[in-house]
Amino acid sequence: MSAQHPAPTVVKLGGSCLDELDGDWWDDLARHARDRSLVLVHGWSKPLRRLSARYGEPSAILRDRYGNQSRWTTPEVIDDIKAVSAELAEVVLGRLEARGVTTERLLGSDGLVSAGEGERWWWREKRLVELDNLVGPITGVDVSPLKHIRPGHACLLTPLARNAAGQEVNTDADRAAAAIAGATGATDLVLVTDVAHLLIDGEPVRRIGRREAAAFRDMGAKGGMRKKLRAAGEALDQGVERVVIGSAAVTELLAGRTGTVITDAQAPTHTSGASA
């Protein structure tokens, strides 16, 4: 971003781990936010399942012809996402405001994130069928709504988007965070989740190059980690220097003392071990 709008630290908060982040974690994030502008992108998987048991059923998740998973999203699901996101925002922003950080909340669908046409063919009962599903890949980010970002201020983004037809659509939160990081010129993207490290063959990985990470994504990673590795590659494609995945305090992750660091190294840099 420009000198008037310095590049932020972008942090994706996994919906599955928000309940586990204690006061010390928020203290650390607030200290970081006083020195660096902060953009938070949140997930909503666990809050949505708490809202209704139907969101935890296998039928709530679709798989496309390429093997990618997506939540089956209707206008009613969009409404539920916005409802749980508003409650989540109240908690997250309240914790930061109590620690002296000013805050704001933005919907990606309010002119910030645009999406392309979504996949229409999905597996249902062992058949590929055409379904309306309000999801779409991110095609662009307009950073102008982030005009207030500055040290001491945090923006929380709900990762919905708007497609060319003007529909509000669901997007993957990890990939939305990657797109925001790239568009704002962020050097670091932090993906906070409920696991301490990327695991390969049961061993924690401290550092890995993008090529090896992409190979593991395609051959061994599953579920949420597969999406995170895809998002990491997209962030690096857009000029982000480093992506960190883990469950610890943000400053600990950025310092490389824990978590998994993914960089744009040309040669494989896969190193194992739980500490740096």
C-alpha atoms as a PDB file:
ATOM      1  CA  MET A   1       0.000   0.000   0.000  1.00  0.00           C
ATOM      2  CA  SER A   2       1.051   3.657  -0.123  1.00  0.00           C
ATOM      3  CA  ALA A   3       3.052   5.561   2.461  1.00  0.00           C
ATOM      4  CA  GLN A   4      -0.270   6.889   3.784  1.00  0.00           C
ATOM      5  CA  HIS A   5      -1.581   3.350   4.059  1.00  0.00           C
ATOM      6  CA  PRO A   6       1.328   1.132   5.186  1.00  0.00           C
ATOM      7  CA  ALA A   7       1.168  -2.575   4.476  1.00  0.00           C
ATOM      8  CA  PRO A   8      -0.583  -4.438   7.287  1.00  0.00           C
ATOM      9  CA  THR A   9      -0.012  -7.770   8.923  1.00  0.00           C
ATOM     10  CA  VAL A  10      -2.800 -10.048   7.688  1.00  0.00           C
ATOM     11  CA  VAL A  11      -4.013 -12.698  10.147  1.00  0.00           C
ATOM     12  CA  LYS A  12      -6.639 -15.306   9.382  1.00  0.00           C
ATOM     13  CA  LEU A  13      -8.461 -16.490  12.509  1.00  0.00           C
ATOM     14  CA  GLY A  14      -9.769 -20.022  12.102  1.00  0.00           C
ATOM     15  CA  GLY A  15     -13.369 -20.443  13.175  1.00  0.00           C
ATOM     16  CA  SER A  16     -12.464 -23.725  14.845  1.00  0.00           C
ATOM     17  CA  CYS A  17      -9.881 -22.201  17.177  1.00  0.00           C
ATOM     18  CA  LEU A  18     -11.356 -18.883  18.342  1.00  0.00           C
ATOM     19  CA  ASP A  19     -12.699 -20.347  21.576  1.00  0.00           C
ATOM     20  CA  GLU A  20      -9.212 -21.616  22.453  1.00  0.00           C
ATOM     21  CA  LEU A  21      -7.407 -18.244  22.237  1.00  0.00           C
ATOM     22  CA  ASP A  22      -6.817 -17.044  25.799  1.00  0.00           C
ATOM     23  CA  GLY A  23      -6.179 -13.608  27.237  1.00  0.00           C
ATOM     24  CA  ASP A  24      -2.413 -13.834  26.742  1.00  0.00           C
ATOM     25  CA  TRP A  25      -2.976 -14.509  23.036  1.00  0.00           C
ATOM     26  CA  TRP A  26      -5.108 -11.391  22.678  1.00  0.00           C
ATOM     27  CA  ASP A  27      -2.616  -9.344  24.719  1.00  0.00           C
ATOM     28  CA  ASP A  28       0.083 -10.361  22.250  1.00  0.00           C
ATOM     29  CA  LEU A  29      -2.061  -9.489  19.226  1.00  0.00           C
ATOM     30  CA  ALA A  30      -2.892  -6.070  20.665  1.00  0.00           C
ATOM     31  CA  ARG A  31       0.791  -5.323  21.272  1.00  0.00           C
ATOM     32  CA  HIS A  32       1.550  -6.264  17.682  1.00  0.00           C
ATOM     33  CA  ALA A  33      -1.323  -4.079  16.436  1.00  0.00           C
ATOM     34  CA  ARG A  34       0.081  -1.033  18.219  1.00  0.00           C
ATOM     35  CA  ASP A  35       3.170  -1.208  16.016  1.00  0.00           C
ATOM     36  CA  ARG A  36       1.667  -2.542  12.778  1.00  0.00           C
ATOM     37  CA  SER A  37      -1.672  -2.042  11.093  1.00  0.00           C
ATOM     38  CA  LEU A  38      -3.703  -5.223  11.293  1.00  0.00           C
ATOM     39  CA  VAL A  39      -6.233  -6.898   9.004  1.00  0.00           C
ATOM     40  CA  LEU A  40      -8.012  -9.920  10.462  1.00  0.00           C
ATOM     41  CA  VAL A  41      -9.968 -12.355   8.295  1.00  0.00           C
ATOM     42  CA  HIS A  42     -12.169 -14.763  10.197  1.00  0.00           C
ATOM     43  CA  GLY A  43     -13.613 -18.185   9.535  1.00  0.00           C
ATOM     44  CA  TRP A  44     -17.025 -19.331  10.743  1.00  0.00           C
ATOM     45  CA  SER A  45     -17.111 -23.126  10.569  1.00  0.00           C
ATOM     46  CA  LYS A  46     -17.540 -23.858  14.276  1.00  0.00           C
ATOM     47  CA  PRO A  47     -19.931 -20.946  15.025  1.00  0.00           C
ATOM     48  CA  LEU A  48     -22.104 -22.032  12.096  1.00  0.00           C
ATOM     49  CA  ARG A  49     -22.263 -25.607  13.386  1.00  0.00           C
ATOM     50  CA  ARG A  50     -23.262 -24.266  16.797  1.00  0.00           C
ATOM     51  CA  LEU A  51     -26.085 -22.296  15.201  1.00  0.00           C
ATOM     52  CA  SER A  52     -27.670 -25.388  13.669  1.00  0.00           C
ATOM     53  CA  ALA A  53     -26.876 -29.096  13.686  1.00  0.00           C
ATOM     54  CA  ARG A  54     -27.576 -29.259   9.950  1.00  0.00           C
ATOM     55  CA  TYR A  55     -24.282 -27.456   9.257  1.00  0.00           C
ATOM     56  CA  GLY A  56     -22.392 -30.376  10.733  1.00  0.00           C
ATOM     57  CA  GLU A  57     -24.080 -32.959   8.524  1.00  0.00           C
ATOM     58  CA  PRO A  58     -22.167 -34.478   5.586  1.00  0.00           C
ATOM     59  CA  SER A  59     -24.830 -33.180   3.188  1.00  0.00           C
ATOM     60  CA  ALA A  60     -23.828 -29.597   4.063  1.00  0.00           C
ATOM     61  CA  ILE A  61     -20.513 -30.068   2.251  1.00  0.00           C
ATOM     62  CA  LEU A  62     -20.250 -30.574  -1.495  1.00  0.00           C
ATOM     63  CA  ARG A  63     -17.358 -31.960  -3.524  1.00  0.00           C
ATOM     64  CA  ASP A  64     -16.834 -30.812  -7.087  1.00  0.00           C
ATOM     65  CA  ARG A  65     -15.606 -32.862 -10.065  1.00  0.00           C
ATOM     66  CA  TYR A  66     -12.005 -31.866  -9.257  1.00  0.00           C
ATOM     67  CA  GLY A  67     -12.202 -33.095  -5.664  1.00  0.00           C
ATOM     68  CA  ASN A  68     -12.480 -29.666  -4.015  1.00  0.00           C
ATOM     69  CA  GLN A  69     -14.838 -29.290  -1.064  1.00  0.00           C
ATOM     70  CA  SER A  70     -17.227 -26.398  -0.536  1.00  0.00           C
ATOM     71  CA  ARG A  71     -20.102 -25.568   1.776  1.00  0.00           C
ATOM     72  CA  TRP A  72     -23.455 -25.821   0.002  1.00  0.00           C
ATOM     73  CA  THR A  73     -24.442 -22.163   0.143  1.00  0.00           C
ATOM     74  CA  THR A  74     -27.958 -20.832  -0.431  1.00  0.00           C
ATOM     75  CA  PRO A  75     -29.302 -17.326   0.352  1.00  0.00           C
ATOM     76  CA  GLU A  76     -30.405 -18.684   3.738  1.00  0.00           C
ATOM     77  CA  VAL A  77     -26.878 -19.909   4.455  1.00  0.00           C
ATOM     78  CA  ILE A  78     -25.495 -16.475   3.541  1.00  0.00           C
ATOM     79  CA  ASP A  79     -27.889 -14.957   6.087  1.00  0.00           C
ATOM     80  CA  ASP A  80     -26.720 -17.417   8.753  1.00  0.00           C
ATOM     81  CA  ILE A  81     -23.068 -16.706   7.939  1.00  0.00           C
ATOM     82  CA  LYS A  82     -23.698 -12.985   8.388  1.00  0.00           C
ATOM     83  CA  ALA A  83     -25.537 -13.581  11.665  1.00  0.00           C
ATOM     84  CA  VAL A  84     -22.793 -15.682  13.258  1.00  0.00           C
ATOM     85  CA  SER A  85     -20.137 -13.352  11.830  1.00  0.00           C
ATOM     86  CA  ALA A  86     -21.754 -10.351  13.526  1.00  0.00           C
ATOM     87  CA  GLU A  87     -21.682 -12.159  16.863  1.00  0.00           C
ATOM     88  CA  LEU A  88     -18.100 -13.264  16.300  1.00  0.00           C
ATOM     89  CA  ALA A  89     -17.071  -9.717  15.375  1.00  0.00           C
ATOM     90  CA  GLU A  90     -18.536  -8.365  18.582  1.00  0.00           C
ATOM     91  CA  VAL A  91     -16.326 -10.711  20.568  1.00  0.00           C
ATOM     92  CA  VAL A  92     -13.117 -10.268  18.546  1.00  0.00           C
ATOM     93  CA  LEU A  93     -13.324  -6.498  18.260  1.00  0.00           C
ATOM     94  CA  GLY A  94     -14.392  -6.163  21.879  1.00  0.00           C
ATOM     95  CA  ARG A  95     -11.273  -8.007  23.026  1.00  0.00           C
ATOM     96  CA  LEU A  96      -9.017  -5.719  20.993  1.00  0.00           C
ATOM     97  CA  GLU A  97     -10.817  -2.527  22.009  1.00  0.00           C
ATOM     98  CA  ALA A  98     -10.464  -3.511  25.664  1.00  0.00           C
ATOM     99  CA  ARG A  99      -6.709  -3.589  25.007  1.00  0.00           C
ATOM    100  CA  GLY A 100      -6.538  -0.132  23.466  1.00  0.00           C
ATOM    101  CA  VAL A 101      -6.798  -1.008  19.763  1.00  0.00           C
ATOM    102  CA  THR A 102      -9.367   0.831  17.637  1.00  0.00           C
ATOM    103  CA  THR A 103     -11.385  -1.413  15.350  1.00  0.00           C
ATOM    104  CA  GLU A 104     -13.806  -1.655  12.466  1.00  0.00           C
ATOM    105  CA  ARG A 105     -15.640  -4.465  10.692  1.00  0.00           C
ATOM    106  CA  LEU A 106     -16.033  -4.847   6.929  1.00  0.00           C
ATOM    107  CA  LEU A 107     -17.934  -7.292   4.761  1.00  0.00           C
ATOM    108  CA  GLY A 108     -15.901  -8.413   1.785  1.00  0.00           C
ATOM    109  CA  SER A 109     -19.096  -8.218  -0.253  1.00  0.00           C
ATOM    110  CA  ASP A 110     -19.355  -4.453   0.382  1.00  0.00           C
ATOM    111  CA  GLY A 111     -17.051  -3.530  -2.474  1.00  0.00           C
ATOM    112  CA  LEU A 112     -13.877  -5.138  -1.144  1.00  0.00           C
ATOM    113  CA  VAL A 113     -13.780  -8.655  -2.639  1.00  0.00           C
ATOM    114  CA  SER A 114     -15.060  -9.704  -6.061  1.00  0.00           C
ATOM    115  CA  ALA A 115     -15.662 -13.291  -7.145  1.00  0.00           C
ATOM    116  CA  GLY A 116     -15.859 -15.163 -10.422  1.00  0.00           C
ATOM    117  CA  GLU A 117     -18.335 -17.732 -11.603  1.00  0.00           C
ATOM    118  CA  GLY A 118     -18.552 -20.704  -9.300  1.00  0.00           C
ATOM    119  CA  GLU A 119     -18.466 -24.392 -10.154  1.00  0.00           C
ATOM    120  CA  ARG A 120     -21.911 -25.744 -11.069  1.00  0.00           C
ATOM    121  CA  TRP A 121     -21.293 -29.519 -11.117  1.00  0.00           C
ATOM    122  CA  TRP A 122     -21.147 -31.327  -7.787  1.00  0.00           C
ATOM    123  CA  TRP A 123     -21.195 -34.884  -6.560  1.00  0.00           C
ATOM    124  CA  ARG A 124     -24.487 -35.875  -4.921  1.00  0.00           C
ATOM    125  CA  GLU A 125     -25.289 -39.501  -4.091  1.00  0.00           C
ATOM    126  CA  LYS A 126     -22.458 -40.723  -6.334  1.00  0.00           C
ATOM    127  CA  ARG A 127     -23.649 -38.666  -9.323  1.00  0.00           C
ATOM    128  CA  LEU A 128     -22.452 -35.390 -10.777  1.00  0.00           C
ATOM    129  CA  VAL A 129     -25.417 -33.016 -10.764  1.00  0.00           C
ATOM    130  CA  GLU A 130     -25.831 -29.354 -11.589  1.00  0.00           C
ATOM    131  CA  LEU A 131     -26.540 -27.302  -8.482  1.00  0.00           C
ATOM    132  CA  ASP A 132     -26.941 -23.646  -7.646  1.00  0.00           C
ATOM    133  CA  ASN A 133     -24.259 -22.982  -5.056  1.00  0.00           C
ATOM    134  CA  LEU A 134     -23.486 -19.413  -3.993  1.00  0.00           C
ATOM    135  CA  VAL A 135     -19.728 -19.768  -3.936  1.00  0.00           C
ATOM    136  CA  GLY A 136     -17.082 -18.351  -6.205  1.00  0.00           C
ATOM    137  CA  PRO A 137     -13.324 -17.967  -6.583  1.00  0.00           C
ATOM    138  CA  ILE A 138     -11.852 -14.598  -5.663  1.00  0.00           C
ATOM    139  CA  THR A 139     -11.000 -12.575  -8.755  1.00  0.00           C
ATOM    140  CA  GLY A 140     -10.079  -9.210  -7.273  1.00  0.00           C
ATOM    141  CA  VAL A 141      -9.629  -7.076  -4.171  1.00  0.00           C
ATOM    142  CA  ASP A 142     -10.305  -3.337  -3.959  1.00  0.00           C
ATOM    143  CA  VAL A 143      -8.222  -2.033  -1.072  1.00  0.00           C
ATOM    144  CA  SER A 144      -9.893   1.392  -0.928  1.00  0.00           C
ATOM    145  CA  PRO A 145     -12.324   0.318   1.850  1.00  0.00           C
ATOM    146  CA  LEU A 146      -9.230  -0.319   3.985  1.00  0.00           C
ATOM    147  CA  LYS A 147      -8.433   3.397   4.048  1.00  0.00           C
ATOM    148  CA  HIS A 148      -8.393   3.548   7.834  1.00  0.00           C
ATOM    149  CA  ILE A 149      -5.705   0.934   8.458  1.00  0.00           C
ATOM    150  CA  ARG A 150      -2.809   2.247  10.513  1.00  0.00           C
ATOM    151  CA  PRO A 151      -0.793   1.168  13.547  1.00  0.00           C
ATOM    152  CA  GLY A 152      -3.073   0.898  16.557  1.00  0.00           C
ATOM    153  CA  HIS A 153      -6.061  -0.019  14.396  1.00  0.00           C
ATOM    154  CA  ALA A 154      -7.497  -3.407  13.393  1.00  0.00           C
ATOM    155  CA  CYS A 155      -9.956  -4.236  10.651  1.00  0.00           C
ATOM    156  CA  LEU A 156     -11.947  -7.466  10.829  1.00  0.00           C
ATOM    157  CA  LEU A 157     -13.076  -8.804   7.452  1.00  0.00           C
ATOM    158  CA  THR A 158     -15.944 -11.229   6.897  1.00  0.00           C
ATOM    159  CA  PRO A 159     -14.872 -13.120   3.741  1.00  0.00           C
ATOM    160  CA  LEU A 160     -17.986 -12.877   1.626  1.00  0.00           C
ATOM    161  CA  ALA A 161     -17.694 -11.564  -1.930  1.00  0.00           C
ATOM    162  CA  ARG A 162     -19.815 -10.156  -4.745  1.00  0.00           C
ATOM    163  CA  ASN A 163     -19.926 -11.825  -8.164  1.00  0.00           C
ATOM    164  CA  ALA A 164     -20.467 -10.225 -11.573  1.00  0.00           C
ATOM    165  CA  ALA A 165     -24.223 -10.780 -11.289  1.00  0.00           C
ATOM    166  CA  GLY A 166     -24.260  -8.813  -8.025  1.00  0.00           C
ATOM    167  CA  GLN A 167     -24.905 -11.873  -5.889  1.00  0.00           C
ATOM    168  CA  GLU A 168     -23.370 -12.174  -2.453  1.00  0.00           C
ATOM    169  CA  VAL A 169     -21.317 -15.371  -2.390  1.00  0.00           C
ATOM    170  CA  ASN A 170     -19.318 -17.484   0.015  1.00  0.00           C
ATOM    171  CA  THR A 171     -15.532 -17.682  -0.365  1.00  0.00           C
ATOM    172  CA  ASP A 172     -12.830 -19.681   1.370  1.00  0.00           C
ATOM    173  CA  ALA A 173     -11.493 -17.650   4.308  1.00  0.00           C
ATOM    174  CA  ASP A 174      -7.867 -18.814   3.949  1.00  0.00           C
ATOM    175  CA  ARG A 175      -7.793 -17.895   0.263  1.00  0.00           C
ATOM    176  CA  ALA A 176      -9.541 -14.598   1.000  1.00  0.00           C
ATOM    177  CA  ALA A 177      -6.806 -13.798   3.522  1.00  0.00           C
ATOM    178  CA  ALA A 178      -4.185 -14.632   0.884  1.00  0.00           C
ATOM    179  CA  ALA A 179      -5.851 -12.308  -1.628  1.00  0.00           C
ATOM    180  CA  ILE A 180      -6.071  -9.482   0.934  1.00  0.00           C
ATOM    181  CA  ALA A 181      -2.412  -9.965   1.880  1.00  0.00           C
ATOM    182  CA  GLY A 182      -1.352  -9.787  -1.753  1.00  0.00           C
ATOM    183  CA  ALA A 183      -3.497  -6.749  -2.561  1.00  0.00           C
ATOM    184  CA  THR A 184      -2.284  -4.764   0.454  1.00  0.00           C
ATOM    185  CA  GLY A 185       1.396  -5.569  -0.090  1.00  0.00           C
ATOM    186  CA  ALA A 186       1.691  -7.452   3.175  1.00  0.00           C
ATOM    187  CA  THR A 187       5.014  -9.223   3.703  1.00  0.00           C
ATOM    188  CA  ASP A 188       3.496 -11.757   6.109  1.00  0.00           C
ATOM    189  CA  LEU A 189       0.322 -13.817   6.198  1.00  0.00           C
ATOM    190  CA  VAL A 190      -0.436 -15.674   9.433  1.00  0.00           C
ATOM    191  CA  LEU A 191      -2.967 -18.520   9.360  1.00  0.00           C
ATOM    192  CA  VAL A 192      -4.010 -19.169  12.963  1.00  0.00           C
ATOM    193  CA  THR A 193      -5.585 -22.586  13.315  1.00  0.00           C
ATOM    194  CA  ASP A 194      -6.133 -25.342  15.872  1.00  0.00           C
ATOM    195  CA  VAL A 195      -2.968 -27.288  15.013  1.00  0.00           C
ATOM    196  CA  ALA A 196       0.531 -26.281  16.047  1.00  0.00           C
ATOM    197  CA  HIS A 197       2.316 -27.232  12.808  1.00  0.00           C
ATOM    198  CA  LEU A 198       1.952 -28.735   9.394  1.00  0.00           C
ATOM    199  CA  LEU A 199       2.601 -32.457   9.837  1.00  0.00           C
ATOM    200  CA  ILE A 200       4.275 -34.619   7.194  1.00  0.00           C
ATOM    201  CA  ASP A 201       4.574 -38.339   7.971  1.00  0.00           C
ATOM    202  CA  GLY A 202       3.519 -37.498  11.510  1.00  0.00           C
ATOM    203  CA  GLU A 203       6.413 -35.099  12.060  1.00  0.00           C
ATOM    204  CA  PRO A 204       5.977 -31.346  12.676  1.00  0.00           C
ATOM    205  CA  VAL A 205       7.459 -29.209   9.907  1.00  0.00           C
ATOM    206  CA  ARG A 206       9.122 -25.961  10.971  1.00  0.00           C
ATOM    207  CA  ARG A 207      10.038 -24.615   7.537  1.00  0.00           C
ATOM    208  CA  ILE A 208       9.189 -25.658   4.004  1.00  0.00           C
ATOM    209  CA  GLY A 209       9.620 -24.257   0.503  1.00  0.00           C
ATOM    210  CA  ARG A 210       6.622 -23.529  -1.648  1.00  0.00           C
ATOM    211  CA  ARG A 211       7.304 -26.309  -4.173  1.00  0.00           C
ATOM    212  CA  GLU A 212       7.481 -28.998  -1.530  1.00  0.00           C
ATOM    213  CA  ALA A 213       4.428 -27.547   0.207  1.00  0.00           C
ATOM    214  CA  ALA A 214       2.495 -27.648  -3.085  1.00  0.00           C
ATOM    215  CA  ALA A 215       3.571 -31.239  -3.699  1.00  0.00           C
ATOM    216  CA  PHE A 216       2.383 -32.288  -0.240  1.00  0.00           C
ATOM    217  CA  ARG A 217      -0.867 -30.373  -0.759  1.00  0.00           C
ATOM    218  CA  ASP A 218      -1.604 -32.408  -3.872  1.00  0.00           C
ATOM    219  CA  MET A 219      -0.403 -35.771  -2.596  1.00  0.00           C
ATOM    220  CA  GLY A 220      -0.872 -35.969   1.157  1.00  0.00           C
ATOM    221  CA  ALA A 221      -2.706 -33.039   2.720  1.00  0.00           C
ATOM    222  CA  LYS A 222      -6.387 -33.335   3.567  1.00  0.00           C
ATOM    223  CA  GLY A 223      -9.310 -31.090   4.469  1.00  0.00           C
ATOM    224  CA  GLY A 224      -8.508 -27.749   6.014  1.00  0.00           C
ATOM    225  CA  MET A 225      -4.735 -28.112   5.705  1.00  0.00           C
ATOM    226  CA  ARG A 226      -5.023 -28.676   1.971  1.00  0.00           C
ATOM    227  CA  LYS A 227      -6.889 -25.368   1.669  1.00  0.00           C
ATOM    228  CA  LYS A 228      -4.314 -23.592   3.807  1.00  0.00           C
ATOM    229  CA  LEU A 229      -1.460 -24.814   1.641  1.00  0.00           C
ATOM    230  CA  ARG A 230      -3.337 -23.709  -1.455  1.00  0.00           C
ATOM    231  CA  ALA A 231      -3.866 -20.279   0.108  1.00  0.00           C
ATOM    232  CA  ALA A 232      -0.179 -20.117   1.036  1.00  0.00           C
ATOM    233  CA  GLY A 233       0.840 -20.716  -2.568  1.00  0.00           C
ATOM    234  CA  GLU A 234      -1.567 -18.036  -3.789  1.00  0.00           C
ATOM    235  CA  ALA A 235      -0.214 -15.534  -1.265  1.00  0.00           C
ATOM    236  CA  LEU A 236       3.366 -16.177  -2.345  1.00  0.00           C
ATOM    237  CA  ASP A 237       2.274 -15.817  -5.987  1.00  0.00           C
ATOM    238  CA  GLN A 238       1.075 -12.327  -5.130  1.00  0.00           C
ATOM    239  CA  GLY A 239       4.303 -11.168  -3.522  1.00  0.00           C
ATOM    240  CA  VAL A 240       3.795 -12.112   0.124  1.00  0.00           C
ATOM    241  CA  GLU A 241       7.224 -13.118   1.434  1.00  0.00           C
ATOM    242  CA  ARG A 242       6.220 -15.544   4.147  1.00  0.00           C
ATOM    243  CA  VAL A 243       3.186 -17.539   5.258  1.00  0.00           C
ATOM    244  CA  VAL A 244       3.070 -18.970   8.777  1.00  0.00           C
ATOM    245  CA  ILE A 245       0.637 -21.653   9.952  1.00  0.00           C
ATOM    246  CA  GLY A 246       0.162 -22.463  13.630  1.00  0.00           C
ATOM    247  CA  SER A 247      -1.794 -22.081  16.852  1.00  0.00           C
ATOM    248  CA  ALA A 248       0.528 -19.899  18.946  1.00  0.00           C
ATOM    249  CA  ALA A 249       0.703 -16.157  19.576  1.00  0.00           C
ATOM    250  CA  VAL A 250       1.159 -14.104  16.420  1.00  0.00           C
ATOM    251  CA  THR A 251       4.523 -12.656  17.466  1.00  0.00           C
ATOM    252  CA  GLU A 252       5.809 -16.151  18.270  1.00  0.00           C
ATOM    253  CA  LEU A 253       4.713 -17.375  14.842  1.00  0.00           C
ATOM    254  CA  LEU A 254       6.249 -14.379  13.062  1.00  0.00           C
ATOM    255  CA  ALA A 255       9.508 -14.880  14.949  1.00  0.00           C
ATOM    256  CA  GLY A 256       9.665 -18.476  13.702  1.00  0.00           C
ATOM    257  CA  ARG A 257       9.810 -19.910  17.203  1.00  0.00           C
ATOM    258  CA  THR A 258       6.847 -22.180  16.520  1.00  0.00           C
ATOM    259  CA  GLY A 259       4.467 -23.052  13.721  1.00  0.00           C
ATOM    260  CA  THR A 260       5.326 -23.805  10.098  1.00  0.00           C
ATOM    261  CA  VAL A 261       6.934 -21.156   7.880  1.00  0.00           C
ATOM    262  CA  ILE A 262       6.386 -21.380   4.116  1.00  0.00           C
ATOM    263  CA  THR A 263       8.565 -19.261   1.843  1.00  0.00           C
ATOM    264  CA  ASP A 264       9.196 -18.835  -1.864  1.00  0.00           C
ATOM    265  CA  ALA A 265      12.466 -20.737  -1.697  1.00  0.00           C
ATOM    266  CA  GLN A 266      13.364 -22.415  -4.985  1.00  0.00           C
ATOM    267  CA  ALA A 267      15.006 -25.425  -3.361  1.00  0.00           C
ATOM    268  CA  PRO A 268      13.136 -27.583  -0.841  1.00  0.00           C
ATOM    269  CA  THR A 269      13.613 -26.302   2.704  1.00  0.00           C
ATOM    270  CA  HIS A 270      11.570 -28.886   4.569  1.00  0.00           C
ATOM    271  CA  THR A 271      12.935 -29.083   8.112  1.00  0.00           C
ATOM    272  CA  SER A 272      11.273 -30.935  10.949  1.00  0.00           C
ATOM    273  CA  GLY A 273      11.055 -30.407  14.678  1.00  0.00           C
ATOM    274  CA  ALA A 274       8.759 -28.624  17.056  1.00  0.00           C
ATOM    275  CA  SER A 275      11.075 -25.740  17.873  1.00  0.00           C
ATOM    276  CA  ALA A 276      13.337 -23.466  15.891  1.00  0.00           C
END
